[in-house]
């Protein structure tokens, strides 16, 4: 899920939040999420999972992670597929986005850059 930051004490910009549906698997909160498109461009999204905490002493939910989607620069091409690599307790999880899904992401990033 993409959304604008919700905590006024955090840096502004888009966030990407992921939730794992498999209970034994845990998302890795120490590594960035990596995007790669068909032009071999790559983006590393910083892990901001600490923003999920209600208070500083809490534990980050094992099945949720949040990343700084910011404004990707350069913008991903809106007509190519994209691969997402999500770090987890079972290794990197790979997901492929279709060109249509990337086009939606491209539109969000274009609006962010304005």
Protein backbone atom coordinates (compact mmCIF):
# COMPACT_ATOMS: atom_id res chain seq x y z
CA UNK A 1 0.00 0.00 0.00
CA UNK A 2 1.34 3.46 -0.93
CA UNK A 3 0.37 6.42 1.25
CA UNK A 4 1.68 9.79 2.39
CA UNK A 5 3.51 9.75 5.73
CA UNK A 6 1.15 9.80 8.68
CA UNK A 7 3.48 11.00 11.45
CA UNK A 8 4.21 14.72 11.44
CA UNK A 9 7.52 14.00 13.19
CA UNK A 10 8.76 11.90 10.24
CA UNK A 11 10.22 13.08 6.96
CA UNK A 12 7.56 13.87 4.37
CA UNK A 13 6.93 11.73 1.31
CA UNK A 14 5.35 8.54 0.13
CA UNK A 15 5.58 5.32 2.10
CA UNK A 16 5.20 1.75 0.92
CA UNK A 17 3.82 -0.57 3.60
CA UNK A 18 3.89 -4.34 3.21
CA UNK A 19 2.20 -6.95 5.39
CA UNK A 20 3.18 -10.62 5.36
CA UNK A 21 0.31 -13.09 5.30
CA UNK A 22 2.41 -16.11 6.23
CA UNK A 23 2.75 -16.24 10.02
CA UNK A 24 6.15 -18.01 10.35
CA UNK A 25 7.79 -15.58 7.92
CA UNK A 26 9.11 -12.28 9.29
CA UNK A 27 9.94 -9.21 7.23
CA UNK A 28 13.52 -8.00 7.72
CA UNK A 29 13.57 -4.51 9.25
CA UNK A 30 17.31 -3.99 8.80
CA UNK A 31 17.60 -3.99 5.00
CA UNK A 32 16.11 -1.83 2.24
CA UNK A 33 13.59 -2.95 -0.33
CA UNK A 34 15.04 -2.97 -3.87
CA UNK A 35 13.17 -2.16 -7.09
CA UNK A 36 14.59 -3.02 -10.52
CA UNK A 37 12.96 -2.21 -13.84
CA UNK A 38 13.34 -3.66 -17.34
CA UNK A 39 15.96 -0.98 -18.20
CA UNK A 40 18.15 -2.34 -15.35
CA UNK A 41 17.57 0.80 -13.31
CA UNK A 42 17.54 0.10 -9.59
CA UNK A 43 16.19 1.90 -6.53
CA UNK A 44 16.84 1.13 -2.88
CA UNK A 45 14.02 2.14 -0.51
CA UNK A 46 15.15 2.75 3.05
CA UNK A 47 13.42 0.71 5.73
CA UNK A 48 11.32 3.00 7.92
CA UNK A 49 9.59 0.28 9.91
CA UNK A 50 10.29 2.16 13.14
CA UNK A 51 7.49 4.52 12.03
CA UNK A 52 5.09 1.63 12.77
CA UNK A 53 5.84 1.89 16.49
CA UNK A 54 3.28 3.49 18.76
CA UNK A 55 6.00 4.20 21.32
CA UNK A 56 9.79 3.93 21.19
CA UNK A 57 9.88 0.91 23.54
CA UNK A 58 7.57 -1.23 21.42
CA UNK A 59 8.56 -3.98 19.03
CA UNK A 60 8.20 -3.54 15.28
CA UNK A 61 5.52 -5.96 14.03
CA UNK A 62 7.30 -8.99 12.54
CA UNK A 63 4.84 -9.27 9.66
CA UNK A 64 4.81 -5.61 8.60
CA UNK A 65 7.45 -3.35 7.10
CA UNK A 66 7.43 0.22 5.86
CA UNK A 67 9.75 1.77 3.29
CA UNK A 68 10.53 5.28 2.08
CA UNK A 69 9.04 5.40 -1.40
CA UNK A 70 9.85 9.12 -1.57
CA UNK A 71 9.98 10.33 -5.13
CA UNK A 72 11.94 7.79 -7.13
CA UNK A 73 14.58 9.52 -9.19
CA UNK A 74 14.75 8.87 -12.05
CA UNK A 75 11.11 7.91 -12.41
CA UNK A 76 10.63 4.29 -13.40
CA UNK A 77 9.55 3.78 -16.98
CA UNK A 78 5.80 3.40 -17.08
CA UNK A 79 5.80 0.78 -19.85
CA UNK A 80 8.15 -1.85 -18.40
CA UNK A 81 7.72 -4.56 -15.81
CA UNK A 82 9.42 -4.10 -12.45
CA UNK A 83 10.79 -6.52 -9.88
CA UNK A 84 10.50 -5.92 -6.13
CA UNK A 85 12.92 -7.65 -3.76
CA UNK A 86 11.66 -7.72 -0.17
CA UNK A 87 14.10 -8.86 2.56
CA UNK A 88 12.62 -11.45 4.92
CA UNK A 89 13.59 -14.15 7.41
CA UNK A 90 13.47 -16.71 4.57
CA UNK A 91 15.65 -14.67 2.18
CA UNK A 92 14.70 -12.11 -0.42
CA UNK A 93 11.14 -12.41 -1.70
CA UNK A 94 10.75 -11.47 -5.35
CA UNK A 95 7.57 -10.01 -6.83
CA UNK A 96 6.99 -8.92 -10.41
CA UNK A 97 4.84 -5.89 -11.20
CA UNK A 98 3.17 -5.76 -14.59
CA UNK A 99 3.62 -2.69 -16.80
CA UNK A 100 0.10 -1.56 -15.80
CA UNK A 101 0.97 -1.71 -12.11
CA UNK A 102 4.21 0.15 -12.76
CA UNK A 103 2.24 2.78 -14.70
CA UNK A 104 0.12 3.37 -11.58
CA UNK A 105 3.27 3.68 -9.47
CA UNK A 106 4.77 6.03 -12.09
CA UNK A 107 1.69 8.27 -11.80
CA UNK A 108 2.05 8.39 -7.99
CA UNK A 109 5.74 9.26 -8.27
CA UNK A 110 5.06 11.91 -10.93
CA UNK A 111 2.54 13.60 -8.62
CA UNK A 112 5.03 13.39 -5.76
CA UNK A 113 7.70 15.17 -7.82
CA UNK A 114 5.47 18.16 -8.53
